[in-house]
Amino acid sequence: MSYFDVASSAPLHPVARQALRASLDEGWADPSRLYREGRRARMLLDAAREAAAEAVGCRADELVFTASGTAAVHAGVAGALAGRRRTGRHLIVSAVEHSAVLHAGQAHERDGGTVTEVGVGRGGAVDPDAYADALRPDTALACLQSANHEVGTVQPVAEVARACREAGVPLLVDAAQSLAWGPVEGDWSLIAGSAHKWGGPAGVGILAVRKGVRFAPQGPLDERESGRAPGFENIPGIVAAAAALRAVRAEAAGQAARLRELTDRIRTRVPELVPDVEVVGDPVRRLPHLVTFSCLYVDGESVLHGLDRAGFSVSSGSSCTSSTLTPSHVLRAMGVVSEGNVRVSLPLGTAEEEVERFLDVLPGVVRDVREKLGAPAGPTEGAAESVTVDAMGLTCPQPVIELGKAIGKVRVGGTVHVDADDEVAAVDIPAWCHTQGQEYVEAVARPGGGARYTVRRLV
């Protein structure tokens, strides 16, 4: 079995496993106590904090350990907003932040605050100028991920941090996906991360708050972790998390070059092997181990099951793999195809042979799913001036499959009207037009619900 989903959670690093076992015997006592066992636990905690701070690029007294990466994000956002409440209640986030950041923004709105969401281009990156334009006199905090968790695009954190610094606004960076590869560049103010993303144990997060940042911890407070993360410290988990971060950093330079070559191979070969595929995310400014692509005319769940049967564990941002039946907010914000989405994130040490076997297996899996769904074989020379497709009640990927069939029935210059009530159609039909070289004309709400999407055939 080849596990290609470390962007979700990385296997426990061998060094972390060793550290965890050792600290279970040494780090069980209360580190706030003065007796021998407490002092031993405190030494382990302090050493782990020093190691983590060095990897993050901050002072040890600026970093605290939390119960998870999500807890770190929520504590960071809430504390920074509360600390700067006199300035205002305006929060800035990007449209492709992790759901933890977006949920924190929603909580802020429910509490009476305001949120500006900065959009991204088709590569998934924000425009630093657009971020700077969103800054206002009442902006209390800005948030920007270091790299996207679904498509791997690296964000211009240094440029955005510079604009925030000039405006006197702190920048919180969710660095969960990138900390394994190196410290975050730029003059950031707060940073959050999650240990299970870099080979540490689940249940450990980090939050660093630079000296001078106004910060007022929210929620239940106690004397531990500078009052920013209440509850007894999980010392064995913390020690293992810091050991894992140090270990993966030592391997990062050599592994980054090798894994980038493998993901470049996937980016190049998949469109050659599988027709009607869109590789998404920035091709250059991206994490070295992550590549994402979307296959037209298939549902993501079937593709994932097919790859799982063939021995590959991957993930997807497609709506049909989610109970919400809505596409990933990242893919939606980018305006790219969401159906048949596959995310491959390679662990350290992935063998070239594993990637080659994946490339051998993928075409057959996609072909089988397309045949079952009755996907179009390709455009034909139609003569009709206009064709209307009734896709009401159909879910992803069927509306696009029916559009793909209908486009061959009209002449070049002719139009296809698709009536659909699937929410995903609003994303996938324009994206289909982009990938297929057709013109997306408009979407008009239908009186009975749903919308009529109009597409003009150009080729």
Protein backbone atom coordinates (compact mmCIF):
# COMPACT_ATOMS: atom_id res chain seq x y z
CA MET A 1 0.00 0.00 0.00
CA SER A 2 1.33 3.47 -0.94
CA TYR A 3 0.23 6.24 1.41
CA PHE A 4 0.09 9.47 -0.62
CA ASP A 5 -1.85 11.71 1.78
CA VAL A 6 0.63 13.30 4.17
CA ALA A 7 -1.03 16.69 3.65
CA SER A 8 -3.87 15.26 5.75
CA SER A 9 -1.67 13.54 8.31
CA ALA A 10 1.90 12.25 8.10
CA PRO A 11 2.93 8.89 9.57
CA LEU A 12 4.67 9.13 12.91
CA HIS A 13 8.34 9.82 12.24
CA PRO A 14 10.71 7.15 13.68
CA VAL A 15 12.50 9.80 15.72
CA ALA A 16 9.16 10.97 17.14
CA ARG A 17 8.28 7.39 18.04
CA GLN A 18 11.54 6.99 19.97
CA ALA A 19 11.09 10.34 21.74
CA LEU A 20 7.50 9.51 22.63
CA ARG A 21 8.42 6.19 24.20
CA ALA A 22 11.28 7.69 26.20
CA SER A 23 9.27 10.67 27.46
CA LEU A 24 6.36 8.48 28.56
CA ASP A 25 8.61 7.30 31.38
CA GLU A 26 10.19 10.67 32.13
CA GLY A 27 7.57 13.30 31.34
CA TRP A 28 4.46 12.23 33.22
CA ALA A 29 4.78 14.54 36.22
CA ASP A 30 3.48 18.09 36.66
CA PRO A 31 6.16 20.43 35.21
CA SER A 32 5.04 23.22 37.55
CA ARG A 33 6.10 21.28 40.65
CA LEU A 34 9.46 21.69 42.35
CA TYR A 35 10.15 18.08 43.28
CA ARG A 36 12.46 15.84 41.24
CA GLU A 37 9.84 14.35 38.92
CA GLY A 38 8.36 17.78 38.22
CA ARG A 39 11.78 19.27 37.48
CA ARG A 40 12.50 16.41 35.07
CA ALA A 41 9.21 17.03 33.27
CA ARG A 42 9.97 20.76 33.12
CA MET A 43 13.37 20.10 31.57
CA LEU A 44 11.76 18.00 28.84
CA LEU A 45 9.12 20.66 28.18
CA ASP A 46 11.65 23.49 28.06
CA ALA A 47 13.96 21.58 25.73
CA ALA A 48 11.06 20.80 23.39
CA ARG A 49 10.03 24.46 23.40
CA GLU A 50 13.56 25.57 22.56
CA ALA A 51 13.76 23.09 19.67
CA ALA A 52 10.36 24.05 18.27
CA ALA A 53 11.09 27.78 18.58
CA GLU A 54 14.39 27.37 16.74
CA ALA A 55 12.61 25.56 13.89
CA VAL A 56 9.84 28.16 13.74
CA GLY A 57 12.22 31.10 13.96
CA CYS A 58 11.04 32.76 17.16
CA ARG A 59 12.02 33.08 20.81
CA ALA A 60 11.19 30.21 23.12
CA ASP A 61 9.11 32.48 25.36
CA GLU A 62 6.99 33.46 22.33
CA LEU A 63 5.86 29.88 21.63
CA VAL A 64 3.23 27.81 23.42
CA PHE A 65 1.92 24.31 22.82
CA THR A 66 -1.78 23.77 22.22
CA ALA A 67 -4.06 20.74 21.97
CA SER A 68 -4.13 20.87 18.13
CA GLY A 69 -3.40 23.05 15.13
CA THR A 70 -7.05 24.09 15.05
CA ALA A 71 -6.87 25.12 18.70
CA ALA A 72 -3.76 27.15 17.90
CA VAL A 73 -5.53 28.95 15.05
CA HIS A 74 -8.63 29.73 17.11
CA ALA A 75 -6.59 30.88 20.10
CA GLY A 76 -4.38 33.03 17.87
CA VAL A 77 -7.23 34.70 15.98
CA ALA A 78 -9.37 35.29 19.08
CA GLY A 79 -6.47 36.55 21.20
CA ALA A 80 -5.13 38.93 18.56
CA LEU A 81 -8.57 40.35 17.79
CA ALA A 82 -9.30 40.87 21.48
CA GLY A 83 -5.91 42.45 22.06
CA ARG A 84 -6.53 45.02 19.34
CA ARG A 85 -10.22 45.65 19.96
CA ARG A 86 -9.62 49.37 20.46
CA THR A 87 -8.22 49.58 16.92
CA GLY A 88 -11.31 47.97 15.40
CA ARG A 89 -13.05 44.70 14.68
CA HIS A 90 -12.08 44.13 11.06
CA LEU A 91 -10.45 40.82 10.11
CA ILE A 92 -8.86 39.91 6.74
CA VAL A 93 -8.53 36.33 5.50
CA SER A 94 -7.83 34.78 2.13
CA ALA A 95 -10.54 32.78 0.34
CA VAL A 96 -8.39 29.64 0.46
CA GLU A 97 -7.50 29.53 4.15
CA HIS A 98 -7.90 26.28 6.06
CA SER A 99 -11.42 25.83 7.38
CA ALA A 100 -10.11 26.45 10.93
CA VAL A 101 -9.28 30.04 9.98
CA LEU A 102 -12.56 30.55 8.12
CA HIS A 103 -14.52 29.15 11.06
CA ALA A 104 -12.69 31.56 13.37
CA GLY A 105 -13.74 34.36 11.02
CA GLN A 106 -17.35 33.21 11.10
CA ALA A 107 -17.29 33.20 14.89
CA HIS A 108 -15.92 36.74 14.79
CA GLU A 109 -18.77 37.84 12.51
CA ARG A 110 -21.36 36.26 14.80
CA ASP A 111 -19.86 38.31 17.60
CA GLY A 112 -20.37 41.52 15.64
CA GLY A 113 -17.05 41.80 13.82
CA THR A 114 -16.48 42.23 10.10
CA VAL A 115 -14.46 40.02 7.75
CA THR A 116 -12.98 40.74 4.33
CA GLU A 117 -12.16 37.70 2.21
CA VAL A 118 -9.39 38.31 -0.35
CA GLY A 119 -9.78 36.24 -3.51
CA VAL A 120 -7.12 34.29 -5.40
CA GLY A 121 -6.17 33.64 -9.01
CA ARG A 122 -6.50 30.32 -10.80
CA GLY A 123 -3.13 29.28 -9.36
CA GLY A 124 -4.46 29.67 -5.82
CA ALA A 125 -2.29 32.61 -4.70
CA VAL A 126 -3.43 35.97 -3.41
CA ASP A 127 -2.28 39.21 -5.00
CA PRO A 128 -0.24 41.11 -2.38
CA ASP A 129 -1.64 44.40 -3.72
CA ALA A 130 -5.19 43.13 -3.25
CA TYR A 131 -4.32 42.19 0.33
CA ALA A 132 -2.83 45.63 0.92
CA ASP A 133 -5.98 47.25 -0.51
CA ALA A 134 -8.10 45.31 1.99
CA LEU A 135 -6.29 46.89 4.95
CA ARG A 136 -8.34 49.55 6.73
CA PRO A 137 -7.86 51.84 9.73
CA ASP A 138 -10.06 49.50 11.77
CA THR A 139 -8.28 46.30 10.71
CA ALA A 140 -7.29 44.40 13.84
CA LEU A 141 -5.77 41.29 12.25
CA ALA A 142 -4.91 39.73 8.90
CA CYS A 143 -4.51 36.00 8.26
CA LEU A 144 -2.67 34.27 5.41
CA GLN A 145 -1.58 30.66 5.12
CA SER A 146 2.03 29.97 4.18
CA ALA A 147 1.03 27.28 1.66
CA ASN A 148 -2.29 25.85 0.60
CA HIS A 149 -3.26 22.48 2.01
CA GLU A 150 -5.18 21.32 -1.07
CA VAL A 151 -3.15 22.47 -4.08
CA GLY A 152 0.25 23.25 -2.54
CA THR A 153 0.50 26.84 -3.75
CA VAL A 154 2.96 28.89 -1.67
CA GLN A 155 1.55 32.27 -0.70
CA PRO A 156 3.46 35.59 -0.89
CA VAL A 157 3.67 35.85 2.89
CA ALA A 158 6.72 38.13 2.96
CA GLU A 159 5.09 40.71 0.67
CA VAL A 160 1.79 40.63 2.57
CA ALA A 161 3.60 40.82 5.91
CA ARG A 162 5.46 43.92 4.69
CA ALA A 163 2.18 45.63 3.77
CA CYS A 164 0.64 44.66 7.11
CA ARG A 165 3.67 45.92 9.02
CA GLU A 166 3.50 49.28 7.22
CA ALA A 167 -0.18 49.53 8.17
CA GLY A 168 0.51 48.51 11.77
CA VAL A 169 -1.59 45.34 11.45
CA PRO A 170 -0.38 41.97 12.81
CA LEU A 171 -0.34 39.02 10.40
CA LEU A 172 -1.22 35.52 11.58
CA VAL A 173 0.22 32.74 9.41
CA ASP A 174 -1.19 29.22 9.35
CA ALA A 175 2.02 27.33 8.60
CA ALA A 176 0.77 23.79 9.20
CA GLN A 177 1.62 22.60 5.68
CA SER A 178 4.99 24.29 5.30
CA LEU A 179 6.85 24.05 8.61
CA ALA A 180 8.33 20.67 7.70
CA TRP A 181 10.16 22.36 4.79
CA GLY A 182 11.56 25.42 6.52
CA PRO A 183 10.74 28.55 8.52
CA VAL A 184 8.19 31.00 7.16
CA GLU A 185 9.78 34.01 5.51
CA GLY A 186 8.65 37.54 6.22
CA ASP A 187 7.90 39.71 9.22
CA TRP A 188 4.89 37.76 10.51
CA SER A 189 3.38 38.44 13.93
CA LEU A 190 1.71 35.15 14.87
CA ILE A 191 2.15 31.63 13.54
CA ALA A 192 0.24 28.39 14.04
CA GLY A 193 1.08 24.79 13.20
CA SER A 194 0.03 21.19 13.79
CA ALA A 195 2.43 18.38 14.70
CA HIS A 196 0.68 15.57 12.85
CA LYS A 197 1.38 17.39 9.57
CA TRP A 198 5.16 16.94 9.98
CA GLY A 199 5.31 13.46 11.49
CA GLY A 200 4.62 14.27 15.11
CA PRO A 201 1.72 12.82 17.09
CA ALA A 202 -1.82 14.13 16.73
CA GLY A 203 -3.07 16.32 19.54
CA VAL A 204 -0.18 18.80 19.60
CA GLY A 205 -0.23 22.25 18.03
CA ILE A 206 2.00 25.30 18.30
CA LEU A 207 1.19 28.98 18.53
CA ALA A 208 3.86 31.67 18.46
CA VAL A 209 3.07 35.30 19.26
CA ARG A 210 5.87 37.81 18.68
CA LYS A 211 6.82 40.15 21.47
CA GLY A 212 5.05 43.47 21.06
CA VAL A 213 1.87 42.00 19.53
CA ARG A 214 -1.16 43.00 21.56
CA PHE A 215 -2.73 39.72 22.62
CA ALA A 216 -5.51 38.97 25.10
CA PRO A 217 -6.14 35.22 25.58
CA GLN A 218 -9.81 34.29 25.36
CA GLY A 219 -11.79 31.46 26.88
CA PRO A 220 -10.89 29.53 30.03
CA LEU A 221 -7.52 30.55 31.35
CA ASP A 222 -5.02 29.08 33.74
CA GLU A 223 -1.35 29.55 34.58
CA ARG A 224 -0.02 27.08 32.02
CA GLU A 225 1.54 27.99 28.66
CA SER A 226 1.55 31.72 29.44
CA GLY A 227 -2.21 31.55 29.92
CA ARG A 228 -2.70 30.95 26.18
CA ALA A 229 -3.40 27.19 26.19
CA PRO A 230 -5.21 25.97 29.30
CA GLY A 231 -4.85 22.44 30.58
CA PHE A 232 -2.10 20.04 31.57
CA GLU A 233 0.66 19.89 28.96
CA ASN A 234 0.90 16.67 26.94
CA ILE A 235 4.64 16.44 27.55
CA PRO A 236 5.29 13.11 25.78
CA GLY A 237 3.40 14.37 22.72
CA ILE A 238 5.15 17.74 22.83
CA VAL A 239 8.59 16.14 23.08
CA ALA A 240 7.79 13.83 20.16
CA ALA A 241 6.42 16.74 18.10
CA ALA A 242 9.56 18.83 18.59
CA ALA A 243 11.80 15.84 17.83
CA ALA A 244 9.87 15.12 14.63
CA LEU A 245 10.08 18.74 13.47
CA ARG A 246 13.83 18.82 14.02
CA ALA A 247 14.25 15.46 12.23
CA VAL A 248 12.21 16.34 9.13
CA ARG A 249 13.98 19.70 8.87
CA ALA A 250 17.32 17.86 8.76
CA GLU A 251 16.02 15.82 5.82
CA ALA A 252 14.11 18.63 4.11
CA ALA A 253 16.70 19.97 1.66
CA GLY A 254 17.56 16.63 0.11
CA GLN A 255 14.00 15.34 0.20
CA ALA A 256 12.54 18.53 -1.29
CA ALA A 257 14.58 18.26 -4.48
CA ARG A 258 13.81 14.58 -4.94
CA LEU A 259 10.08 14.86 -4.20
CA ARG A 260 9.74 17.92 -6.45
CA GLU A 261 11.11 15.86 -9.32
CA LEU A 262 8.51 13.18 -8.61
CA THR A 263 5.59 15.61 -8.37
CA ASP A 264 6.81 17.40 -11.51
CA ARG A 265 6.65 14.01 -13.21
CA ILE A 266 3.04 13.57 -12.07
CA ARG A 267 2.13 17.10 -13.22
CA THR A 268 3.56 16.38 -16.67
CA ARG A 269 2.55 12.79 -17.20
CA VAL A 270 -1.04 12.73 -15.91
CA PRO A 271 -2.41 15.05 -18.66
CA GLU A 272 -0.55 12.94 -21.22
CA LEU A 273 -1.96 9.67 -19.89
CA VAL A 274 -5.50 10.79 -19.04
CA PRO A 275 -7.51 13.03 -21.39
CA ASP A 276 -9.52 15.95 -20.04
CA VAL A 277 -7.44 16.57 -16.92
CA GLU A 278 -6.62 19.92 -15.32
CA VAL A 279 -3.59 20.12 -13.05
CA VAL A 280 -4.31 22.83 -10.50
CA GLY A 281 -2.15 25.01 -8.28
CA ASP A 282 0.89 27.13 -9.07
CA PRO A 283 3.37 25.05 -11.11
CA VAL A 284 6.43 26.79 -9.62
CA ARG A 285 5.61 28.41 -6.26
CA ARG A 286 4.37 25.26 -4.56
CA LEU A 287 5.23 22.74 -1.90
CA PRO A 288 7.67 20.13 -3.22
CA HIS A 289 5.67 17.04 -2.25
CA LEU A 290 2.13 17.97 -3.28
CA VAL A 291 0.31 17.89 -6.63
CA THR A 292 -3.41 18.13 -7.36
CA PHE A 293 -5.38 17.47 -10.53
CA SER A 294 -9.04 17.18 -11.54
CA CYS A 295 -10.43 14.67 -14.04
CA LEU A 296 -13.51 15.67 -16.00
CA TYR A 297 -16.52 13.35 -16.25
CA VAL A 298 -15.80 11.31 -13.12
CA ASP A 299 -16.84 11.53 -9.50
CA GLY A 300 -14.04 11.84 -7.00
CA GLU A 301 -15.35 9.17 -4.66
CA SER A 302 -15.24 6.47 -7.34
CA VAL A 303 -11.71 7.48 -8.35
CA LEU A 304 -10.52 7.38 -4.74
CA HIS A 305 -12.10 3.95 -4.20
CA GLY A 306 -10.51 2.67 -7.41
CA LEU A 307 -7.08 3.93 -6.40
CA ASP A 308 -7.54 2.50 -2.91
CA ARG A 309 -8.27 -0.94 -4.39
CA ALA A 310 -5.09 -0.58 -6.45
CA GLY A 311 -3.08 0.19 -3.31
CA PHE A 312 -2.93 4.01 -3.24
CA SER A 313 -4.24 6.29 -0.50
CA VAL A 314 -4.97 9.77 -1.83
CA SER A 315 -7.50 12.49 -1.00
CA SER A 316 -9.88 14.74 -2.89
CA GLY A 317 -11.56 18.12 -2.75
CA SER A 318 -14.44 16.98 -4.94
CA SER A 319 -17.97 17.54 -3.68
CA CYS A 320 -18.89 13.90 -4.29
CA THR A 321 -16.43 12.79 -1.59
CA SER A 322 -18.04 15.06 1.00
CA SER A 323 -21.28 14.77 2.94
CA THR A 324 -21.95 18.44 2.19
CA LEU A 325 -22.16 17.81 -1.58
CA THR A 326 -20.39 21.11 -2.15
CA PRO A 327 -16.92 21.40 -3.66
CA SER A 328 -13.88 22.40 -1.69
CA HIS A 329 -13.92 26.11 -0.90
CA VAL A 330 -10.34 26.22 -2.22
CA LEU A 331 -11.23 24.84 -5.65
CA ARG A 332 -14.31 27.04 -5.75
CA ALA A 333 -12.29 30.17 -4.99
CA MET A 334 -9.75 29.25 -7.68
CA GLY A 335 -12.49 28.70 -10.26
CA VAL A 336 -11.04 25.33 -11.33
CA VAL A 337 -12.67 21.99 -12.05
CA SER A 338 -13.68 20.30 -8.80
CA GLU A 339 -15.09 17.03 -10.12
CA GLY A 340 -12.77 14.04 -10.10
CA ASN A 341 -10.28 15.93 -7.95
CA VAL A 342 -7.24 14.00 -6.71
CA ARG A 343 -4.61 15.31 -4.29
CA VAL A 344 -1.31 13.44 -4.09
CA SER A 345 1.00 14.39 -1.21
CA LEU A 346 4.11 12.24 -1.03
CA PRO A 347 5.75 11.25 2.26
CA LEU A 348 9.47 11.50 2.85
CA GLY A 349 11.27 8.58 1.26
CA THR A 350 8.69 7.88 -1.45
CA ALA A 351 10.29 5.59 -4.03
CA GLU A 352 10.32 6.45 -7.73
CA GLU A 353 8.82 3.02 -8.42
CA GLU A 354 5.74 3.89 -6.35
CA VAL A 355 5.07 6.99 -8.43
CA GLU A 356 5.55 5.05 -11.68
CA ARG A 357 3.08 2.42 -10.51
CA PHE A 358 0.59 5.17 -9.64
CA LEU A 359 0.95 6.57 -13.17
CA ASP A 360 0.38 3.07 -14.58
CA VAL A 361 -2.77 2.51 -12.52
CA LEU A 362 -4.48 5.93 -12.77
CA PRO A 363 -5.55 5.86 -16.46
CA GLY A 364 -7.41 2.58 -16.07
CA VAL A 365 -9.18 3.75 -12.91
CA VAL A 366 -10.39 6.96 -14.58
CA ARG A 367 -11.38 5.14 -17.76
CA ASP A 368 -13.48 2.61 -15.84
CA VAL A 369 -15.34 5.35 -13.94
CA ARG A 370 -16.01 7.32 -17.13
CA GLU A 371 -17.40 4.26 -18.88
CA LYS A 372 -19.77 3.56 -15.99
CA LEU A 373 -21.01 7.16 -16.01
CA GLY A 374 -21.40 7.34 -19.78
CA ALA A 375 -18.90 10.16 -20.27
CA PRO A 376 -18.62 11.75 -23.75
CA ALA A 377 -16.00 10.24 -26.03
CA GLY A 378 -15.16 13.59 -27.62
CA PRO A 379 -16.72 16.44 -29.62
CA THR A 380 -18.34 15.73 -32.98
CA GLU A 381 -19.39 18.00 -35.84
CA GLY A 382 -22.96 18.91 -34.90
CA ALA A 383 -25.29 21.11 -36.94
CA ALA A 384 -27.86 22.33 -34.43
CA GLU A 385 -28.07 26.01 -33.61
CA SER A 386 -29.01 25.41 -29.99
CA VAL A 387 -29.53 22.47 -27.64
CA THR A 388 -31.09 22.47 -24.17
CA VAL A 389 -30.04 19.92 -21.57
CA ASP A 390 -32.27 19.07 -18.63
CA ALA A 391 -29.88 18.28 -15.77
CA MET A 392 -32.31 19.16 -12.99
CA GLY A 393 -31.94 16.76 -10.12
CA LEU A 394 -28.58 15.48 -11.35
CA THR A 395 -25.51 15.81 -9.15
CA CYS A 396 -21.81 16.20 -9.89
CA PRO A 397 -20.41 15.15 -12.33
CA GLN A 398 -23.57 14.42 -14.39
CA PRO A 399 -24.43 18.03 -15.43
CA VAL A 400 -20.97 18.45 -16.96
CA ILE A 401 -21.14 14.99 -18.56
CA GLU A 402 -24.43 15.96 -20.24
CA LEU A 403 -22.89 19.27 -21.33
CA GLY A 404 -19.93 17.40 -22.80
CA LYS A 405 -22.29 15.21 -24.82
CA ALA A 406 -24.44 18.11 -25.98
CA ILE A 407 -21.62 20.37 -27.16
CA GLY A 408 -20.95 17.98 -30.04
CA LYS A 409 -24.53 18.35 -31.27
CA VAL A 410 -24.28 22.07 -32.04
CA ARG A 411 -22.31 23.82 -34.74
CA VAL A 412 -19.34 26.05 -33.93
CA GLY A 413 -20.95 29.28 -32.75
CA GLY A 414 -24.03 27.44 -31.50
CA THR A 415 -25.12 27.34 -27.86
CA VAL A 416 -25.92 24.75 -25.25
CA HIS A 417 -28.27 25.60 -22.39
CA VAL A 418 -27.93 23.47 -19.26
CA ASP A 419 -30.70 23.58 -16.67
CA ALA A 420 -29.24 22.39 -13.36
CA ASP A 421 -29.94 22.75 -9.67
CA ASP A 422 -26.74 21.14 -8.39
CA GLU A 423 -24.76 23.79 -6.51
CA VAL A 424 -21.50 22.45 -7.91
CA ALA A 425 -22.57 23.23 -11.48
CA ALA A 426 -21.96 26.92 -10.78
CA VAL A 427 -18.26 26.09 -10.35
CA ASP A 428 -17.74 23.18 -12.72
CA ILE A 429 -19.51 24.47 -15.84
CA PRO A 430 -17.39 27.66 -16.10
CA ALA A 431 -14.30 25.61 -15.28
CA TRP A 432 -15.22 23.05 -17.95
CA CYS A 433 -15.47 25.87 -20.50
CA HIS A 434 -12.02 27.11 -19.51
CA THR A 435 -10.39 23.71 -19.92
CA GLN A 436 -12.25 22.84 -23.14
CA GLY A 437 -11.78 26.16 -24.91
CA GLN A 438 -15.50 26.94 -25.01
CA GLU A 439 -17.21 30.22 -24.06
CA TYR A 440 -19.12 30.45 -20.82
CA VAL A 441 -21.84 33.00 -21.56
CA GLU A 442 -23.98 33.36 -18.46
CA ALA A 443 -26.04 31.77 -15.71
CA VAL A 444 -29.63 32.92 -15.18
CA ALA A 445 -31.76 31.86 -12.22
CA ARG A 446 -34.75 29.69 -13.14
CA PRO A 447 -38.16 30.55 -11.64
CA GLY A 448 -38.57 27.00 -10.32
CA GLY A 449 -35.10 26.82 -8.78
CA GLY A 450 -31.62 26.16 -10.07
CA ALA A 451 -30.14 28.05 -13.01
CA ARG A 452 -29.85 27.94 -16.79
CA TYR A 453 -26.20 27.94 -17.86
CA THR A 454 -25.41 29.03 -21.41
CA VAL A 455 -22.28 27.84 -23.23
CA ARG A 456 -21.21 28.81 -26.74
CA ARG A 457 -19.21 26.34 -28.80
CA LEU A 458 -15.94 27.85 -30.08
CA VAL A 459 -14.08 24.75 -31.20
